[in-house]
Amino acid sequence: MRLYCHADGPEPGIGDHGERHLLQLWPAPPTSPVHPEITGADRQARAAHAADRATPVEEYTSTFTITEGE
């Protein structure tokens, strides 16, 4: 990727100051994957994690009674 910008006036402001942009993109050559292959141990760890997340969460609701005069 290449990005080029040209502005006639360097002062910031509102409106057109003659700013022009050139953006060029081209395909990159093929490369090997960034991430390694998933192993059987990885799959087992993911399945165990999913099973842990599937169990319901305990109820953490508390009830308080307010009496007048306290």
N, C-alpha and C. Protein backbone atom coordinates (compact mmCIF):
# COMPACT_ATOMS: atom_id res chain seq x y z
N MET A 1 0.84 -1.17 0.00
CA MET A 1 0.00 0.00 0.00
C MET A 1 0.90 1.24 0.00
N ARG A 2 0.45 2.23 -0.72
CA ARG A 2 1.15 3.51 -0.73
C ARG A 2 0.09 4.60 -0.59
N LEU A 3 0.34 5.56 0.31
CA LEU A 3 -0.56 6.68 0.52
C LEU A 3 0.24 7.96 0.37
N TYR A 4 -0.25 8.85 -0.48
CA TYR A 4 0.41 10.13 -0.70
C TYR A 4 -0.62 11.22 -0.55
N CYS A 5 -0.25 12.30 0.17
CA CYS A 5 -1.15 13.43 0.37
C CYS A 5 -0.42 14.72 0.06
N HIS A 6 -1.09 15.64 -0.59
CA HIS A 6 -0.52 16.95 -0.89
C HIS A 6 -1.56 18.01 -0.57
N ALA A 7 -1.15 19.04 0.17
CA ALA A 7 -2.04 20.16 0.50
C ALA A 7 -1.35 21.46 0.11
N ASP A 8 -2.13 22.36 -0.53
CA ASP A 8 -1.56 23.65 -0.94
C ASP A 8 -1.23 24.53 0.27
N GLY A 9 -2.13 24.50 1.28
CA GLY A 9 -1.91 25.32 2.47
C GLY A 9 -1.79 24.44 3.70
N PRO A 10 -0.73 24.58 4.51
CA PRO A 10 -0.56 23.72 5.67
C PRO A 10 -1.43 24.12 6.87
N GLU A 11 -2.08 25.30 6.82
CA GLU A 11 -2.88 25.76 7.94
C GLU A 11 -4.16 24.95 8.07
N PRO A 12 -4.52 24.52 9.29
CA PRO A 12 -5.79 23.81 9.47
C PRO A 12 -6.96 24.77 9.32
N GLY A 13 -8.09 24.24 8.91
CA GLY A 13 -9.28 25.08 8.76
C GLY A 13 -10.40 24.31 8.11
N ILE A 14 -11.47 25.03 7.84
CA ILE A 14 -12.65 24.42 7.22
C ILE A 14 -12.66 24.79 5.75
N GLY A 15 -13.03 23.84 4.93
CA GLY A 15 -13.16 24.10 3.50
C GLY A 15 -12.08 23.41 2.70
N ASP A 16 -12.09 23.71 1.40
CA ASP A 16 -11.16 23.07 0.48
C ASP A 16 -9.85 23.86 0.45
N HIS A 17 -8.76 23.23 0.77
CA HIS A 17 -7.45 23.87 0.74
C HIS A 17 -6.59 23.24 -0.35
N GLY A 18 -7.21 22.65 -1.35
CA GLY A 18 -6.43 22.05 -2.42
C GLY A 18 -5.76 20.76 -2.01
N GLU A 19 -6.36 20.01 -1.08
CA GLU A 19 -5.76 18.77 -0.62
C GLU A 19 -6.07 17.66 -1.61
N ARG A 20 -5.03 16.89 -1.96
CA ARG A 20 -5.20 15.77 -2.90
C ARG A 20 -4.57 14.53 -2.28
N HIS A 21 -5.18 13.39 -2.55
CA HIS A 21 -4.70 12.12 -2.01
C HIS A 21 -4.50 11.13 -3.14
N LEU A 22 -3.48 10.31 -3.00
CA LEU A 22 -3.23 9.20 -3.91
C LEU A 22 -3.08 7.96 -3.05
N LEU A 23 -3.92 6.99 -3.29
CA LEU A 23 -3.89 5.73 -2.56
C LEU A 23 -3.69 4.62 -3.58
N GLN A 24 -2.61 3.86 -3.43
CA GLN A 24 -2.32 2.77 -4.34
C GLN A 24 -2.28 1.46 -3.57
N LEU A 25 -2.95 0.46 -4.07
CA LEU A 25 -2.97 -0.88 -3.48
C LEU A 25 -2.58 -1.89 -4.54
N TRP A 26 -1.86 -2.91 -4.14
CA TRP A 26 -1.53 -4.00 -5.05
C TRP A 26 -1.48 -5.29 -4.25
N PRO A 27 -1.74 -6.43 -4.89
CA PRO A 27 -1.75 -7.70 -4.17
C PRO A 27 -0.35 -8.08 -3.68
N ALA A 28 -0.32 -8.63 -2.49
CA ALA A 28 0.93 -9.12 -1.92
C ALA A 28 1.18 -10.54 -2.42
N PRO A 29 2.43 -10.96 -2.46
CA PRO A 29 2.70 -12.35 -2.87
C PRO A 29 2.15 -13.32 -1.84
N PRO A 30 1.76 -14.51 -2.26
CA PRO A 30 1.23 -15.49 -1.31
C PRO A 30 2.26 -15.83 -0.23
N THR A 31 1.79 -15.97 1.00
CA THR A 31 2.67 -16.33 2.12
C THR A 31 2.05 -17.50 2.87
N SER A 32 2.84 -18.12 3.71
CA SER A 32 2.32 -19.22 4.52
C SER A 32 1.42 -18.64 5.62
N PRO A 33 0.54 -19.45 6.20
CA PRO A 33 -0.36 -18.96 7.23
C PRO A 33 0.40 -18.41 8.43
N VAL A 34 -0.18 -17.40 9.05
CA VAL A 34 0.46 -16.77 10.21
C VAL A 34 0.32 -17.66 11.44
N HIS A 35 -0.81 -18.34 11.57
CA HIS A 35 -1.07 -19.17 12.73
C HIS A 35 -0.73 -20.63 12.44
N PRO A 36 -0.16 -21.32 13.41
CA PRO A 36 0.13 -22.75 13.20
C PRO A 36 -1.16 -23.57 13.16
N GLU A 37 -1.05 -24.75 12.64
CA GLU A 37 -2.20 -25.65 12.58
C GLU A 37 -2.68 -26.00 13.98
N ILE A 38 -3.98 -26.24 14.12
CA ILE A 38 -4.56 -26.62 15.41
C ILE A 38 -4.31 -28.11 15.63
N THR A 39 -3.75 -28.44 16.79
CA THR A 39 -3.43 -29.83 17.11
C THR A 39 -4.61 -30.48 17.84
N GLY A 40 -4.52 -31.79 18.05
CA GLY A 40 -5.55 -32.50 18.80
C GLY A 40 -5.65 -32.00 20.23
N ALA A 41 -4.50 -31.67 20.84
CA ALA A 41 -4.51 -31.13 22.21
C ALA A 41 -5.22 -29.78 22.25
N ASP A 42 -5.02 -28.96 21.22
CA ASP A 42 -5.71 -27.67 21.15
C ASP A 42 -7.22 -27.89 21.06
N ARG A 43 -7.64 -28.84 20.25
CA ARG A 43 -9.07 -29.12 20.10
C ARG A 43 -9.68 -29.60 21.42
N GLN A 44 -8.94 -30.45 22.14
CA GLN A 44 -9.44 -30.94 23.44
C GLN A 44 -9.54 -29.79 24.44
N ALA A 45 -8.56 -28.90 24.46
CA ALA A 45 -8.60 -27.75 25.38
C ALA A 45 -9.77 -26.84 25.04
N ARG A 46 -10.03 -26.62 23.76
CA ARG A 46 -11.17 -25.79 23.36
C ARG A 46 -12.49 -26.44 23.76
N ALA A 47 -12.59 -27.75 23.60
CA ALA A 47 -13.82 -28.46 23.97
C ALA A 47 -14.03 -28.39 25.48
N ALA A 48 -12.97 -28.55 26.26
CA ALA A 48 -13.08 -28.47 27.73
C ALA A 48 -13.50 -27.06 28.14
N HIS A 49 -12.95 -26.06 27.50
CA HIS A 49 -13.32 -24.67 27.81
C HIS A 49 -14.79 -24.41 27.47
N ALA A 50 -15.24 -24.90 26.32
CA ALA A 50 -16.64 -24.72 25.93
C ALA A 50 -17.57 -25.43 26.91
N ALA A 51 -17.18 -26.62 27.39
CA ALA A 51 -18.00 -27.35 28.36
C ALA A 51 -18.07 -26.58 29.68
N ASP A 52 -16.97 -25.98 30.11
CA ASP A 52 -16.97 -25.18 31.34
C ASP A 52 -17.88 -23.97 31.20
N ARG A 53 -17.87 -23.36 30.03
CA ARG A 53 -18.68 -22.16 29.81
C ARG A 53 -20.16 -22.50 29.66
N ALA A 54 -20.48 -23.75 29.35
CA ALA A 54 -21.87 -24.15 29.12
C ALA A 54 -22.62 -24.41 30.43
N THR A 55 -21.89 -24.60 31.53
CA THR A 55 -22.57 -24.85 32.80
C THR A 55 -23.22 -23.57 33.29
N PRO A 56 -24.42 -23.67 33.88
CA PRO A 56 -25.10 -22.46 34.34
C PRO A 56 -24.32 -21.77 35.47
N VAL A 57 -24.45 -20.48 35.51
CA VAL A 57 -23.79 -19.68 36.54
C VAL A 57 -24.65 -19.73 37.80
N GLU A 58 -23.99 -19.80 38.95
CA GLU A 58 -24.73 -19.82 40.21
C GLU A 58 -25.49 -18.52 40.38
N GLU A 59 -26.58 -18.61 41.11
CA GLU A 59 -27.39 -17.42 41.39
C GLU A 59 -26.74 -16.63 42.51
N TYR A 60 -26.49 -15.36 42.29
CA TYR A 60 -25.84 -14.51 43.27
C TYR A 60 -26.77 -13.40 43.76
N THR A 61 -28.06 -13.66 43.79
CA THR A 61 -29.02 -12.65 44.23
C THR A 61 -29.12 -12.64 45.75
N SER A 62 -29.08 -11.46 46.33
CA SER A 62 -29.24 -11.31 47.77
C SER A 62 -30.47 -10.46 48.05
N THR A 63 -31.13 -10.75 49.15
CA THR A 63 -32.31 -9.99 49.55
C THR A 63 -32.04 -9.33 50.89
N PHE A 64 -32.40 -8.06 50.99
CA PHE A 64 -32.22 -7.30 52.22
C PHE A 64 -33.56 -6.73 52.63
N THR A 65 -33.81 -6.76 53.93
CA THR A 65 -35.03 -6.17 54.46
C THR A 65 -34.67 -4.87 55.16
N ILE A 66 -35.36 -3.80 54.80
CA ILE A 66 -35.13 -2.50 55.41
C ILE A 66 -36.29 -2.20 56.34
N THR A 67 -35.96 -1.94 57.57
CA THR A 67 -36.99 -1.56 58.54
C THR A 67 -36.82 -0.10 58.87
N GLU A 68 -37.92 0.59 59.12
CA GLU A 68 -37.85 2.02 59.42
C GLU A 68 -37.20 2.24 60.77
N GLY A 69 -36.48 3.34 60.87
CA GLY A 69 -35.83 3.69 62.12
C GLY A 69 -34.39 3.23 62.20
N GLU A 70 -33.88 2.59 61.22
CA GLU A 70 -32.50 2.17 61.27
C GLU A 70 -31.61 3.15 60.57
